[in-house]
Amino acid sequence: MSTLSIPEYVPPAAEDAEQLRKAFAGWGTNEKLIISILAHRSAAQRRQIRQAYADIFGEDLLKSLNKELTRDFEKVVLLWVLEPAERDALLVYDSARKWGPEDR
């Protein structure tokens, strides 16, 4: 199993935010670019990217990701970007939605 690492040089959050916006542009979504940015940043860096994206484009990065991505890939990427408390709340919500009357 391989591990992901944070590169020695990490661009400023604003540059990452602009690259993510480019990944959403045009026909289709550049999923490789999204992975190359978000998978190789720490939680603190992803938080800064999310803030920079909102500052530059006036929209939450999560909303843009939600519009551009689908299914399992969307879920994985959103879990990367969410704050730990937001992520945990989403996971609990998703789990509780699957419960039937017999589980309550």
N, C-alpha and C. Protein backbone atom coordinates (compact mmCIF):
# COMPACT_ATOMS: atom_id res chain seq x y z
N MET A 1 0.85 -1.17 0.00
CA MET A 1 0.00 0.00 0.00
C MET A 1 0.90 1.24 0.00
N SER A 2 0.60 2.18 -0.83
CA SER A 2 1.39 3.40 -0.88
C SER A 2 0.78 4.46 0.03
N THR A 3 1.59 5.43 0.35
CA THR A 3 1.11 6.53 1.19
C THR A 3 1.24 7.83 0.42
N LEU A 4 0.40 8.77 0.78
CA LEU A 4 0.47 10.09 0.18
C LEU A 4 1.35 10.96 1.06
N SER A 5 2.11 11.82 0.43
CA SER A 5 2.95 12.72 1.21
C SER A 5 2.75 14.14 0.71
N ILE A 6 3.06 15.06 1.58
CA ILE A 6 2.97 16.48 1.24
C ILE A 6 4.29 16.86 0.58
N PRO A 7 4.25 17.48 -0.59
CA PRO A 7 5.48 17.83 -1.29
C PRO A 7 6.28 18.88 -0.51
N GLU A 8 7.58 18.95 -0.81
CA GLU A 8 8.43 19.93 -0.14
C GLU A 8 7.94 21.35 -0.41
N TYR A 9 7.64 21.64 -1.67
CA TYR A 9 7.11 22.96 -2.00
C TYR A 9 5.60 22.84 -2.15
N VAL A 10 4.90 23.64 -1.37
CA VAL A 10 3.45 23.68 -1.46
C VAL A 10 3.07 25.10 -1.89
N PRO A 11 2.37 25.24 -3.01
CA PRO A 11 1.98 26.58 -3.47
C PRO A 11 1.07 27.26 -2.46
N PRO A 12 0.96 28.58 -2.56
CA PRO A 12 0.03 29.30 -1.68
C PRO A 12 -1.41 28.80 -1.89
N ALA A 13 -2.22 28.93 -0.86
CA ALA A 13 -3.61 28.47 -0.92
C ALA A 13 -4.37 29.11 -2.07
N ALA A 14 -4.10 30.39 -2.34
CA ALA A 14 -4.79 31.08 -3.43
C ALA A 14 -4.48 30.43 -4.78
N GLU A 15 -3.24 30.01 -4.96
CA GLU A 15 -2.86 29.35 -6.22
C GLU A 15 -3.56 28.00 -6.35
N ASP A 16 -3.61 27.25 -5.25
CA ASP A 16 -4.34 25.98 -5.27
C ASP A 16 -5.82 26.21 -5.56
N ALA A 17 -6.40 27.25 -4.97
CA ALA A 17 -7.82 27.56 -5.21
C ALA A 17 -8.06 27.85 -6.69
N GLU A 18 -7.16 28.60 -7.31
CA GLU A 18 -7.31 28.92 -8.73
C GLU A 18 -7.16 27.67 -9.59
N GLN A 19 -6.24 26.79 -9.22
CA GLN A 19 -6.07 25.53 -9.96
C GLN A 19 -7.31 24.65 -9.84
N LEU A 20 -7.91 24.64 -8.65
CA LEU A 20 -9.14 23.86 -8.49
C LEU A 20 -10.25 24.43 -9.37
N ARG A 21 -10.34 25.75 -9.44
CA ARG A 21 -11.36 26.37 -10.29
C ARG A 21 -11.14 25.97 -11.75
N LYS A 22 -9.86 25.91 -12.18
CA LYS A 22 -9.55 25.49 -13.54
C LYS A 22 -9.95 24.03 -13.77
N ALA A 23 -9.83 23.21 -12.72
CA ALA A 23 -10.21 21.80 -12.84
C ALA A 23 -11.70 21.65 -13.11
N PHE A 24 -12.50 22.65 -12.70
CA PHE A 24 -13.94 22.61 -12.91
C PHE A 24 -14.35 23.21 -14.25
N ALA A 25 -13.46 23.92 -14.92
CA ALA A 25 -13.81 24.66 -16.13
C ALA A 25 -13.96 23.72 -17.33
N GLY A 26 -14.78 24.15 -18.26
CA GLY A 26 -14.94 23.42 -19.51
C GLY A 26 -15.77 22.17 -19.37
N TRP A 27 -15.66 21.33 -20.38
CA TRP A 27 -16.43 20.09 -20.44
C TRP A 27 -15.76 19.04 -19.56
N GLY A 28 -16.48 18.53 -18.60
CA GLY A 28 -15.91 17.53 -17.70
C GLY A 28 -15.12 18.19 -16.58
N THR A 29 -14.62 17.37 -15.72
CA THR A 29 -13.86 17.83 -14.56
C THR A 29 -12.51 17.14 -14.57
N ASN A 30 -11.47 17.89 -14.28
CA ASN A 30 -10.13 17.33 -14.23
C ASN A 30 -9.91 16.71 -12.85
N GLU A 31 -10.32 15.47 -12.70
CA GLU A 31 -10.25 14.79 -11.41
C GLU A 31 -8.81 14.57 -10.96
N LYS A 32 -7.91 14.34 -11.90
CA LYS A 32 -6.50 14.14 -11.55
C LYS A 32 -5.92 15.39 -10.90
N LEU A 33 -6.29 16.56 -11.40
CA LEU A 33 -5.80 17.80 -10.82
C LEU A 33 -6.36 17.98 -9.41
N ILE A 34 -7.62 17.67 -9.22
CA ILE A 34 -8.23 17.78 -7.89
C ILE A 34 -7.49 16.88 -6.91
N ILE A 35 -7.22 15.65 -7.31
CA ILE A 35 -6.51 14.71 -6.44
C ILE A 35 -5.10 15.21 -6.17
N SER A 36 -4.41 15.69 -7.21
CA SER A 36 -3.03 16.13 -7.03
C SER A 36 -2.91 17.28 -6.04
N ILE A 37 -3.97 18.06 -5.92
CA ILE A 37 -3.94 19.17 -4.96
C ILE A 37 -4.41 18.69 -3.59
N LEU A 38 -5.62 18.21 -3.50
CA LEU A 38 -6.22 17.94 -2.19
C LEU A 38 -5.61 16.74 -1.47
N ALA A 39 -5.16 15.74 -2.21
CA ALA A 39 -4.59 14.56 -1.56
C ALA A 39 -3.18 14.80 -1.04
N HIS A 40 -2.56 15.86 -1.49
CA HIS A 40 -1.18 16.14 -1.09
C HIS A 40 -1.07 17.41 -0.25
N ARG A 41 -2.12 17.69 0.50
CA ARG A 41 -2.11 18.84 1.42
C ARG A 41 -2.57 18.36 2.79
N SER A 42 -2.08 19.02 3.81
CA SER A 42 -2.51 18.70 5.17
C SER A 42 -3.91 19.25 5.40
N ALA A 43 -4.52 18.85 6.51
CA ALA A 43 -5.85 19.35 6.84
C ALA A 43 -5.83 20.87 6.98
N ALA A 44 -4.79 21.40 7.59
CA ALA A 44 -4.69 22.86 7.76
C ALA A 44 -4.56 23.55 6.40
N GLN A 45 -3.80 22.96 5.49
CA GLN A 45 -3.65 23.54 4.16
C GLN A 45 -4.96 23.47 3.38
N ARG A 46 -5.69 22.36 3.51
CA ARG A 46 -6.99 22.27 2.83
C ARG A 46 -7.96 23.30 3.39
N ARG A 47 -7.89 23.57 4.68
CA ARG A 47 -8.74 24.60 5.29
C ARG A 47 -8.41 25.97 4.68
N GLN A 48 -7.12 26.25 4.50
CA GLN A 48 -6.70 27.52 3.89
C GLN A 48 -7.14 27.60 2.43
N ILE A 49 -7.08 26.51 1.72
CA ILE A 49 -7.53 26.48 0.32
C ILE A 49 -9.02 26.78 0.26
N ARG A 50 -9.78 26.16 1.13
CA ARG A 50 -11.23 26.38 1.17
C ARG A 50 -11.54 27.86 1.42
N GLN A 51 -10.81 28.46 2.36
CA GLN A 51 -11.02 29.88 2.67
C GLN A 51 -10.61 30.76 1.49
N ALA A 52 -9.47 30.46 0.89
CA ALA A 52 -9.01 31.24 -0.26
C ALA A 52 -10.00 31.13 -1.41
N TYR A 53 -10.54 29.95 -1.65
CA TYR A 53 -11.52 29.75 -2.71
C TYR A 53 -12.74 30.63 -2.47
N ALA A 54 -13.22 30.65 -1.23
CA ALA A 54 -14.38 31.49 -0.90
C ALA A 54 -14.05 32.96 -1.08
N ASP A 55 -12.87 33.37 -0.68
CA ASP A 55 -12.46 34.78 -0.81
C ASP A 55 -12.35 35.20 -2.27
N ILE A 56 -11.77 34.34 -3.10
CA ILE A 56 -11.53 34.68 -4.50
C ILE A 56 -12.79 34.58 -5.35
N PHE A 57 -13.55 33.50 -5.18
CA PHE A 57 -14.67 33.22 -6.07
C PHE A 57 -16.04 33.45 -5.46
N GLY A 58 -16.09 33.78 -4.18
CA GLY A 58 -17.37 34.08 -3.53
C GLY A 58 -18.29 32.88 -3.41
N GLU A 59 -17.71 31.69 -3.41
CA GLU A 59 -18.49 30.46 -3.29
C GLU A 59 -17.69 29.46 -2.46
N ASP A 60 -18.39 28.69 -1.65
CA ASP A 60 -17.72 27.67 -0.85
C ASP A 60 -17.20 26.57 -1.77
N LEU A 61 -15.98 26.16 -1.55
CA LEU A 61 -15.38 25.09 -2.34
C LEU A 61 -16.23 23.83 -2.30
N LEU A 62 -16.85 23.56 -1.16
CA LEU A 62 -17.70 22.37 -1.05
C LEU A 62 -18.85 22.40 -2.04
N LYS A 63 -19.45 23.58 -2.23
CA LYS A 63 -20.56 23.70 -3.19
C LYS A 63 -20.06 23.45 -4.61
N SER A 64 -18.90 23.98 -4.93
CA SER A 64 -18.34 23.75 -6.27
C SER A 64 -18.03 22.28 -6.48
N LEU A 65 -17.43 21.64 -5.48
CA LEU A 65 -17.13 20.22 -5.59
C LEU A 65 -18.41 19.41 -5.74
N ASN A 66 -19.43 19.78 -4.98
CA ASN A 66 -20.71 19.08 -5.04
C ASN A 66 -21.34 19.17 -6.43
N LYS A 67 -21.19 20.32 -7.08
CA LYS A 67 -21.75 20.50 -8.43
C LYS A 67 -20.96 19.73 -9.48
N GLU A 68 -19.65 19.61 -9.28
CA GLU A 68 -18.78 19.06 -10.32
C GLU A 68 -18.55 17.56 -10.21
N LEU A 69 -18.65 17.01 -9.03
CA LEU A 69 -18.28 15.61 -8.82
C LEU A 69 -19.51 14.74 -8.59
N THR A 70 -19.34 13.45 -8.72
CA THR A 70 -20.46 12.54 -8.52
C THR A 70 -20.04 11.33 -7.69
N ARG A 71 -21.01 10.76 -7.04
CA ARG A 71 -20.95 9.48 -6.36
C ARG A 71 -19.80 9.34 -5.37
N ASP A 72 -19.10 8.21 -5.46
CA ASP A 72 -18.07 7.89 -4.47
C ASP A 72 -16.92 8.88 -4.50
N PHE A 73 -16.53 9.31 -5.71
CA PHE A 73 -15.43 10.27 -5.80
C PHE A 73 -15.81 11.57 -5.10
N GLU A 74 -17.03 12.01 -5.29
CA GLU A 74 -17.50 13.22 -4.61
C GLU A 74 -17.41 13.05 -3.10
N LYS A 75 -17.86 11.92 -2.62
CA LYS A 75 -17.87 11.69 -1.17
C LYS A 75 -16.45 11.70 -0.61
N VAL A 76 -15.53 11.03 -1.28
CA VAL A 76 -14.14 10.99 -0.81
C VAL A 76 -13.54 12.39 -0.78
N VAL A 77 -13.72 13.14 -1.83
CA VAL A 77 -13.15 14.49 -1.90
C VAL A 77 -13.78 15.38 -0.83
N LEU A 78 -15.09 15.31 -0.66
CA LEU A 78 -15.74 16.13 0.37
C LEU A 78 -15.21 15.76 1.76
N LEU A 79 -14.99 14.49 2.01
CA LEU A 79 -14.46 14.08 3.31
C LEU A 79 -13.05 14.62 3.53
N TRP A 80 -12.27 14.77 2.46
CA TRP A 80 -10.94 15.39 2.58
C TRP A 80 -11.05 16.85 3.00
N VAL A 81 -12.01 17.55 2.43
CA VAL A 81 -12.08 19.00 2.58
C VAL A 81 -12.80 19.43 3.85
N LEU A 82 -13.73 18.64 4.32
CA LEU A 82 -14.51 19.02 5.50
C LEU A 82 -13.64 19.12 6.75
N GLU A 83 -14.03 20.00 7.65
CA GLU A 83 -13.43 20.05 8.98
C GLU A 83 -13.78 18.75 9.69
N PRO A 84 -12.97 18.31 10.64
CA PRO A 84 -13.27 17.04 11.33
C PRO A 84 -14.69 16.98 11.91
N ALA A 85 -15.16 18.03 12.54
CA ALA A 85 -16.52 18.00 13.12
C ALA A 85 -17.58 17.90 12.02
N GLU A 86 -17.38 18.62 10.90
CA GLU A 86 -18.31 18.54 9.78
C GLU A 86 -18.31 17.13 9.18
N ARG A 87 -17.11 16.59 9.02
CA ARG A 87 -16.97 15.24 8.46
C ARG A 87 -17.68 14.21 9.34
N ASP A 88 -17.43 14.29 10.65
CA ASP A 88 -18.06 13.34 11.56
C ASP A 88 -19.58 13.46 11.53
N ALA A 89 -20.08 14.68 11.49
CA ALA A 89 -21.53 14.89 11.44
C ALA A 89 -22.11 14.29 10.16
N LEU A 90 -21.44 14.47 9.04
CA LEU A 90 -21.90 13.90 7.77
C LEU A 90 -21.92 12.37 7.83
N LEU A 91 -20.88 11.78 8.38
CA LEU A 91 -20.82 10.33 8.47
C LEU A 91 -21.92 9.77 9.37
N VAL A 92 -22.18 10.44 10.49
CA VAL A 92 -23.26 10.00 11.38
C VAL A 92 -24.61 10.15 10.68
N TYR A 93 -24.81 11.28 10.01
CA TYR A 93 -26.07 11.52 9.28
C TYR A 93 -26.29 10.43 8.23
N ASP A 94 -25.26 10.16 7.42
CA ASP A 94 -25.39 9.14 6.38
C ASP A 94 -25.69 7.77 6.97
N SER A 95 -25.04 7.45 8.07
CA SER A 95 -25.29 6.16 8.73
C SER A 95 -26.70 6.07 9.27
N ALA A 96 -27.17 7.14 9.90
CA ALA A 96 -28.50 7.14 10.50
C ALA A 96 -29.60 7.07 9.44
N ARG A 97 -29.34 7.66 8.27
CA ARG A 97 -30.33 7.61 7.18
C ARG A 97 -30.60 6.19 6.72
N LYS A 98 -29.62 5.33 6.86
CA LYS A 98 -29.75 3.95 6.38
C LYS A 98 -30.49 3.07 7.36
N TRP A 99 -30.72 3.55 8.56
CA TRP A 99 -31.43 2.75 9.56
C TRP A 99 -32.88 2.57 9.16
N GLY A 100 -33.38 1.41 9.40
CA GLY A 100 -34.80 1.14 9.23
C GLY A 100 -35.48 1.18 10.58
N PRO A 101 -36.80 1.04 10.60
CA PRO A 101 -37.54 1.08 11.88
C PRO A 101 -37.05 0.03 12.87
N GLU A 102 -36.59 -1.11 12.36
CA GLU A 102 -36.13 -2.16 13.26
C GLU A 102 -34.79 -1.82 13.93
N ASP A 103 -34.07 -0.84 13.40
CA ASP A 103 -32.78 -0.44 13.96
C ASP A 103 -32.91 0.61 15.06
N ARG A 104 -34.09 1.18 15.21
CA ARG A 104 -34.24 2.29 16.15
C ARG A 104 -34.58 1.82 17.52
